[in-house]
Amino acid sequence: MLQKAGRPAHDAPRGSVNSEDTTLIERVVAGDLRAFETLYRNYFPRLTRFLERMTRRPELVEEIINDTMLVVAKNAHKYNHASKVSTWVFAIAYRKALKALRDLNEPIDTDASLDDLLGPDQREPKDEMLQLQLRRVLGEAVEALSANHRAVIELTYFQGAGYREIAEIMACPIETVKTRMFHARRRLKTLLPGRSEDLL
């Protein structure tokens, strides 16, 4: 079964992470350049993973991250503590990614693999041929999803976000998030006959 990515044991609890992020934002507001650099470094890997999976355009990712963090720097004073800092940052990144995708005049290529959706602890070395077949089929399935559906899958399974937080990031009702997840999972199951329950 496809599980949400767990937090590594050495990571700090979410509450303390948000507290640290909030402190960094406050320091950014005060003009602390080092605080912004720390915030950038902290979010770069997470945003890279999210945006690569959402856009399927690796060449756009760094530009989108830079645009996102520029907004964060310029609007740090507007952060109102109504949500976690990470929710606020990912919401900005999500909107920037949508804009970048809308600006493209050609179909979005995707190259998903089984490794994209399954963590290392969920893959088995045996049955290599089966793994290759699943990788190909799952790649085709994810390719058929919209950017919004890919975003929901990434935020749910790899960023550990709940539906309420995803709704904030995507600026839509929780029911819309649930509907997008339903359609994404149904699409994947349709293209993964006989193995869908193992994966989803």
C-alpha atoms as a PDB file:
ATOM      1  CA  MET A   1       0.000   0.000   0.000  1.00  0.00           C
ATOM      2  CA  LEU A   2       1.272   3.460  -0.852  1.00  0.00           C
ATOM      3  CA  GLN A   3       2.145   5.110   2.444  1.00  0.00           C
ATOM      4  CA  LYS A   4       2.899   8.673   3.354  1.00  0.00           C
ATOM      5  CA  ALA A   5       6.589   9.303   3.678  1.00  0.00           C
ATOM      6  CA  GLY A   6       7.527   9.151   7.309  1.00  0.00           C
ATOM      7  CA  ARG A   7       9.701  11.728   9.054  1.00  0.00           C
ATOM      8  CA  PRO A   8      13.238  10.472   9.639  1.00  0.00           C
ATOM      9  CA  ALA A   9      13.897   9.718  13.278  1.00  0.00           C
ATOM     10  CA  HIS A  10      16.538  12.430  13.567  1.00  0.00           C
ATOM     11  CA  ASP A  11      14.251  15.164  12.270  1.00  0.00           C
ATOM     12  CA  ALA A  12      12.775  17.654  14.693  1.00  0.00           C
ATOM     13  CA  PRO A  13       9.027  17.452  15.368  1.00  0.00           C
ATOM     14  CA  ARG A  14       6.833  19.520  13.065  1.00  0.00           C
ATOM     15  CA  GLY A  15       5.963  21.974  15.828  1.00  0.00           C
ATOM     16  CA  SER A  16       9.591  22.845  16.519  1.00  0.00           C
ATOM     17  CA  VAL A  17      10.293  23.124  12.790  1.00  0.00           C
ATOM     18  CA  ASN A  18       7.444  25.591  12.376  1.00  0.00           C
ATOM     19  CA  SER A  19       8.685  27.537  15.401  1.00  0.00           C
ATOM     20  CA  GLU A  20      12.137  27.758  13.823  1.00  0.00           C
ATOM     21  CA  ASP A  21      10.607  28.816  10.498  1.00  0.00           C
ATOM     22  CA  THR A  22       8.526  31.479  12.221  1.00  0.00           C
ATOM     23  CA  THR A  23      11.638  32.851  13.917  1.00  0.00           C
ATOM     24  CA  LEU A  24      13.448  32.928  10.576  1.00  0.00           C
ATOM     25  CA  ILE A  25      10.549  34.780   8.947  1.00  0.00           C
ATOM     26  CA  GLU A  26      10.588  37.350  11.749  1.00  0.00           C
ATOM     27  CA  ARG A  27      14.316  37.828  11.244  1.00  0.00           C
ATOM     28  CA  VAL A  28      13.791  38.199   7.480  1.00  0.00           C
ATOM     29  CA  VAL A  29      11.261  40.957   8.198  1.00  0.00           C
ATOM     30  CA  ALA A  30      13.944  42.647  10.286  1.00  0.00           C
ATOM     31  CA  GLY A  31      16.304  42.547   7.307  1.00  0.00           C
ATOM     32  CA  ASP A  32      18.466  39.613   8.392  1.00  0.00           C
ATOM     33  CA  LEU A  33      20.016  38.284   5.176  1.00  0.00           C
ATOM     34  CA  ARG A  34      21.466  35.205   6.875  1.00  0.00           C
ATOM     35  CA  ALA A  35      18.013  34.227   8.097  1.00  0.00           C
ATOM     36  CA  PHE A  36      16.722  34.339   4.536  1.00  0.00           C
ATOM     37  CA  GLU A  37      19.668  32.266   3.311  1.00  0.00           C
ATOM     38  CA  THR A  38      18.915  29.668   5.988  1.00  0.00           C
ATOM     39  CA  LEU A  39      15.237  29.614   5.038  1.00  0.00           C
ATOM     40  CA  TYR A  40      16.185  29.206   1.367  1.00  0.00           C
ATOM     41  CA  ARG A  41      18.534  26.311   2.110  1.00  0.00           C
ATOM     42  CA  ASN A  42      15.958  24.619   4.341  1.00  0.00           C
ATOM     43  CA  TYR A  43      13.208  24.758   1.724  1.00  0.00           C
ATOM     44  CA  PHE A  44      15.218  24.160  -1.439  1.00  0.00           C
ATOM     45  CA  PRO A  45      15.230  20.323  -1.268  1.00  0.00           C
ATOM     46  CA  ARG A  46      11.530  20.053  -0.375  1.00  0.00           C
ATOM     47  CA  LEU A  47      10.430  22.549  -2.997  1.00  0.00           C
ATOM     48  CA  THR A  48      12.653  20.884  -5.600  1.00  0.00           C
ATOM     49  CA  ARG A  49      11.022  17.507  -4.992  1.00  0.00           C
ATOM     50  CA  PHE A  50       7.509  18.975  -5.004  1.00  0.00           C
ATOM     51  CA  LEU A  51       7.987  21.083  -8.123  1.00  0.00           C
ATOM     52  CA  GLU A  52       9.785  18.393 -10.111  1.00  0.00           C
ATOM     53  CA  ARG A  53       6.880  16.031  -9.560  1.00  0.00           C
ATOM     54  CA  MET A  54       4.210  18.635 -10.117  1.00  0.00           C
ATOM     55  CA  THR A  55       5.608  20.230 -13.266  1.00  0.00           C
ATOM     56  CA  ARG A  56       7.648  17.381 -14.754  1.00  0.00           C
ATOM     57  CA  ARG A  57       9.875  20.180 -16.032  1.00  0.00           C
ATOM     58  CA  PRO A  58      13.221  19.991 -14.170  1.00  0.00           C
ATOM     59  CA  GLU A  59      14.544  22.917 -16.193  1.00  0.00           C
ATOM     60  CA  LEU A  60      11.863  25.181 -14.672  1.00  0.00           C
ATOM     61  CA  VAL A  61      12.269  24.150 -11.052  1.00  0.00           C
ATOM     62  CA  GLU A  62      15.122  26.389  -9.935  1.00  0.00           C
ATOM     63  CA  GLU A  63      13.515  29.434 -11.537  1.00  0.00           C
ATOM     64  CA  ILE A  64      10.199  28.678  -9.827  1.00  0.00           C
ATOM     65  CA  ILE A  65      11.976  28.230  -6.481  1.00  0.00           C
ATOM     66  CA  ASN A  66      13.791  31.536  -6.920  1.00  0.00           C
ATOM     67  CA  ASP A  67      10.523  33.280  -7.836  1.00  0.00           C
ATOM     68  CA  THR A  68       8.878  31.685  -4.801  1.00  0.00           C
ATOM     69  CA  MET A  69      11.585  32.702  -2.371  1.00  0.00           C
ATOM     70  CA  LEU A  70      11.668  36.213  -3.815  1.00  0.00           C
ATOM     71  CA  VAL A  71       7.983  36.517  -2.935  1.00  0.00           C
ATOM     72  CA  VAL A  72       8.756  35.143   0.533  1.00  0.00           C
ATOM     73  CA  ALA A  73      11.498  37.733   1.027  1.00  0.00           C
ATOM     74  CA  LYS A  74       9.403  40.649  -0.206  1.00  0.00           C
ATOM     75  CA  ASN A  75       6.267  39.604   1.639  1.00  0.00           C
ATOM     76  CA  ALA A  76       7.630  38.142   4.856  1.00  0.00           C
ATOM     77  CA  HIS A  77       5.908  40.972   6.734  1.00  0.00           C
ATOM     78  CA  LYS A  78       2.565  39.729   5.383  1.00  0.00           C
ATOM     79  CA  TYR A  79       2.904  36.285   6.975  1.00  0.00           C
ATOM     80  CA  ASN A  80       0.046  36.350   9.490  1.00  0.00           C
ATOM     81  CA  HIS A  81       0.604  33.079  11.418  1.00  0.00           C
ATOM     82  CA  ALA A  82      -2.808  31.785  10.284  1.00  0.00           C
ATOM     83  CA  SER A  83      -1.061  28.699   8.888  1.00  0.00           C
ATOM     84  CA  LYS A  84       2.329  27.037   9.168  1.00  0.00           C
ATOM     85  CA  VAL A  85       5.195  28.780   7.405  1.00  0.00           C
ATOM     86  CA  SER A  86       5.622  25.689   5.221  1.00  0.00           C
ATOM     87  CA  THR A  87       1.982  25.884   4.130  1.00  0.00           C
ATOM     88  CA  TRP A  88       2.451  29.533   3.189  1.00  0.00           C
ATOM     89  CA  VAL A  89       5.669  28.848   1.261  1.00  0.00           C
ATOM     90  CA  PHE A  90       4.255  25.827  -0.577  1.00  0.00           C
ATOM     91  CA  ALA A  91       1.139  27.808  -1.503  1.00  0.00           C
ATOM     92  CA  ILE A  92       3.344  30.436  -3.150  1.00  0.00           C
ATOM     93  CA  ALA A  93       5.344  27.729  -4.942  1.00  0.00           C
ATOM     94  CA  TYR A  94       2.162  26.027  -6.121  1.00  0.00           C
ATOM     95  CA  ARG A  95       0.824  29.260  -7.665  1.00  0.00           C
ATOM     96  CA  LYS A  96       4.173  30.015  -9.299  1.00  0.00           C
ATOM     97  CA  ALA A  97       4.262  26.490 -10.735  1.00  0.00           C
ATOM     98  CA  LEU A  98       0.753  26.804 -12.154  1.00  0.00           C
ATOM     99  CA  LYS A  99       1.725  30.091 -13.801  1.00  0.00           C
ATOM    100  CA  ALA A 100       4.851  28.512 -15.285  1.00  0.00           C
ATOM    101  CA  LEU A 101       2.787  25.632 -16.671  1.00  0.00           C
ATOM    102  CA  ARG A 102       0.186  27.988 -18.121  1.00  0.00           C
ATOM    103  CA  ASP A 103       2.970  29.901 -19.878  1.00  0.00           C
ATOM    104  CA  LEU A 104       4.042  26.743 -21.718  1.00  0.00           C
ATOM    105  CA  ASN A 105       2.612  26.357 -25.187  1.00  0.00           C
ATOM    106  CA  GLU A 106       3.358  22.657 -25.532  1.00  0.00           C
ATOM    107  CA  PRO A 107       2.175  19.502 -23.725  1.00  0.00           C
ATOM    108  CA  ILE A 108       3.929  18.778 -20.443  1.00  0.00           C
ATOM    109  CA  ASP A 109       6.191  15.749 -20.703  1.00  0.00           C
ATOM    110  CA  THR A 110       6.414  13.447 -17.701  1.00  0.00           C
ATOM    111  CA  ASP A 111       8.796  10.675 -16.839  1.00  0.00           C
ATOM    112  CA  ALA A 112       7.478   9.173 -13.633  1.00  0.00           C
ATOM    113  CA  SER A 113       8.705   5.895 -12.302  1.00  0.00           C
ATOM    114  CA  LEU A 114       7.763   3.471  -9.598  1.00  0.00           C
ATOM    115  CA  ASP A 115      10.491   5.044  -7.486  1.00  0.00           C
ATOM    116  CA  ASP A 116       8.620   8.362  -7.610  1.00  0.00           C
ATOM    117  CA  LEU A 117       5.668   6.955  -5.695  1.00  0.00           C
ATOM    118  CA  LEU A 118       7.240   4.225  -3.572  1.00  0.00           C
ATOM    119  CA  GLY A 119       9.764   4.913  -0.837  1.00  0.00           C
ATOM    120  CA  PRO A 120      12.960   2.836  -0.667  1.00  0.00           C
ATOM    121  CA  ASP A 121      11.565   0.777   2.207  1.00  0.00           C
ATOM    122  CA  GLN A 122       8.607  -0.254   0.055  1.00  0.00           C
ATOM    123  CA  ARG A 123      10.602  -1.551  -2.927  1.00  0.00           C
ATOM    124  CA  GLU A 124      11.918  -5.092  -3.015  1.00  0.00           C
ATOM    125  CA  PRO A 125      14.998  -6.250  -4.925  1.00  0.00           C
ATOM    126  CA  LYS A 126      13.304  -9.467  -6.093  1.00  0.00           C
ATOM    127  CA  ASP A 127      11.099  -9.772  -9.153  1.00  0.00           C
ATOM    128  CA  GLU A 128      13.145  -7.278 -11.133  1.00  0.00           C
ATOM    129  CA  MET A 129      11.147  -7.838 -14.300  1.00  0.00           C
ATOM    130  CA  LEU A 130       7.891  -7.127 -12.455  1.00  0.00           C
ATOM    131  CA  GLN A 131       9.380  -3.945 -11.032  1.00  0.00           C
ATOM    132  CA  LEU A 132      10.366  -2.791 -14.507  1.00  0.00           C
ATOM    133  CA  GLN A 133       6.877  -3.512 -15.835  1.00  0.00           C
ATOM    134  CA  LEU A 134       5.263  -1.673 -12.943  1.00  0.00           C
ATOM    135  CA  ARG A 135       7.624   1.246 -13.441  1.00  0.00           C
ATOM    136  CA  ARG A 136       6.607   1.567 -17.072  1.00  0.00           C
ATOM    137  CA  VAL A 137       2.871   1.240 -16.402  1.00  0.00           C
ATOM    138  CA  LEU A 138       2.926   3.565 -13.420  1.00  0.00           C
ATOM    139  CA  GLY A 139       4.898   6.096 -15.447  1.00  0.00           C
ATOM    140  CA  GLU A 140       2.169   6.100 -18.055  1.00  0.00           C
ATOM    141  CA  ALA A 141      -0.489   6.417 -15.354  1.00  0.00           C
ATOM    142  CA  VAL A 142       1.118   9.395 -13.623  1.00  0.00           C
ATOM    143  CA  GLU A 143       1.771  11.016 -16.989  1.00  0.00           C
ATOM    144  CA  ALA A 144      -1.976  11.002 -17.582  1.00  0.00           C
ATOM    145  CA  LEU A 145      -2.643  12.980 -14.402  1.00  0.00           C
ATOM    146  CA  SER A 146      -3.076  16.724 -14.363  1.00  0.00           C
ATOM    147  CA  ALA A 147      -0.607  18.984 -12.543  1.00  0.00           C
ATOM    148  CA  ASN A 148      -3.164  19.440  -9.749  1.00  0.00           C
ATOM    149  CA  HIS A 149      -3.517  15.696  -9.287  1.00  0.00           C
ATOM    150  CA  ARG A 150       0.251  15.211  -9.248  1.00  0.00           C
ATOM    151  CA  ALA A 151       0.525  18.003  -6.691  1.00  0.00           C
ATOM    152  CA  VAL A 152      -2.020  16.340  -4.409  1.00  0.00           C
ATOM    153  CA  ILE A 153      -0.169  13.012  -4.615  1.00  0.00           C
ATOM    154  CA  GLU A 154       3.177  14.649  -3.870  1.00  0.00           C
ATOM    155  CA  LEU A 155       1.885  16.752  -0.971  1.00  0.00           C
ATOM    156  CA  THR A 156       0.046  13.793   0.554  1.00  0.00           C
ATOM    157  CA  TYR A 157       2.530  10.968   0.198  1.00  0.00           C
ATOM    158  CA  PHE A 158       5.886  12.734   0.226  1.00  0.00           C
ATOM    159  CA  GLN A 159       5.401  16.024   2.089  1.00  0.00           C
ATOM    160  CA  GLY A 160       3.165  14.446   4.741  1.00  0.00           C
ATOM    161  CA  ALA A 161       0.501  17.133   4.377  1.00  0.00           C
ATOM    162  CA  GLY A 162      -3.083  16.519   5.440  1.00  0.00           C
ATOM    163  CA  TYR A 163      -6.079  17.467   3.325  1.00  0.00           C
ATOM    164  CA  ARG A 164      -6.688  20.674   5.296  1.00  0.00           C
ATOM    165  CA  GLU A 165      -3.122  21.879   4.731  1.00  0.00           C
ATOM    166  CA  ILE A 166      -3.244  20.889   1.059  1.00  0.00           C
ATOM    167  CA  ALA A 167      -6.476  22.865   0.718  1.00  0.00           C
ATOM    168  CA  GLU A 168      -4.675  25.918   2.089  1.00  0.00           C
ATOM    169  CA  ILE A 169      -1.733  25.430  -0.256  1.00  0.00           C
ATOM    170  CA  MET A 170      -3.955  24.955  -3.298  1.00  0.00           C
ATOM    171  CA  ALA A 171      -6.456  27.621  -2.187  1.00  0.00           C
ATOM    172  CA  CYS A 172      -9.429  25.337  -2.631  1.00  0.00           C
ATOM    173  CA  PRO A 173     -12.012  23.592  -0.422  1.00  0.00           C
ATOM    174  CA  ILE A 174     -11.022  20.361   1.347  1.00  0.00           C
ATOM    175  CA  GLU A 175     -13.660  18.538  -0.677  1.00  0.00           C
ATOM    176  CA  THR A 176     -11.880  19.599  -3.857  1.00  0.00           C
ATOM    177  CA  VAL A 177      -8.636  18.120  -2.543  1.00  0.00           C
ATOM    178  CA  LYS A 178     -10.435  14.873  -1.704  1.00  0.00           C
ATOM    179  CA  THR A 179     -12.006  14.805  -5.148  1.00  0.00           C
ATOM    180  CA  ARG A 180      -8.647  15.350  -6.850  1.00  0.00           C
ATOM    181  CA  MET A 181      -7.101  12.553  -4.798  1.00  0.00           C
ATOM    182  CA  PHE A 182     -10.030  10.266  -5.609  1.00  0.00           C
ATOM    183  CA  HIS A 183      -9.659  10.861  -9.349  1.00  0.00           C
ATOM    184  CA  ALA A 184      -5.861  10.521  -9.218  1.00  0.00           C
ATOM    185  CA  ARG A 185      -6.059   7.221  -7.337  1.00  0.00           C
ATOM    186  CA  ARG A 186      -8.854   5.926  -9.563  1.00  0.00           C
ATOM    187  CA  ARG A 187      -6.837   6.769 -12.667  1.00  0.00           C
ATOM    188  CA  LEU A 188      -3.767   5.019 -11.305  1.00  0.00           C
ATOM    189  CA  LYS A 189      -5.797   1.964 -10.322  1.00  0.00           C
ATOM    190  CA  THR A 190      -7.320   1.779 -13.794  1.00  0.00           C
ATOM    191  CA  LEU A 191      -3.859   1.604 -15.332  1.00  0.00           C
ATOM    192  CA  LEU A 192      -2.439  -0.742 -12.712  1.00  0.00           C
ATOM    193  CA  PRO A 193      -4.750  -3.788 -13.001  1.00  0.00           C
ATOM    194  CA  GLY A 194      -4.069  -6.531 -10.489  1.00  0.00           C
ATOM    195  CA  ARG A 195      -1.484  -4.502  -8.562  1.00  0.00           C
ATOM    196  CA  SER A 196      -3.384  -1.348  -7.665  1.00  0.00           C
ATOM    197  CA  GLU A 197      -4.265  -2.438  -4.133  1.00  0.00           C
ATOM    198  CA  ASP A 198      -0.597  -3.139  -3.402  1.00  0.00           C
ATOM    199  CA  LEU A 199       0.404   0.355  -4.474  1.00  0.00           C
ATOM    200  CA  LEU A 200      -2.557   2.538  -3.517  1.00  0.00           C
END
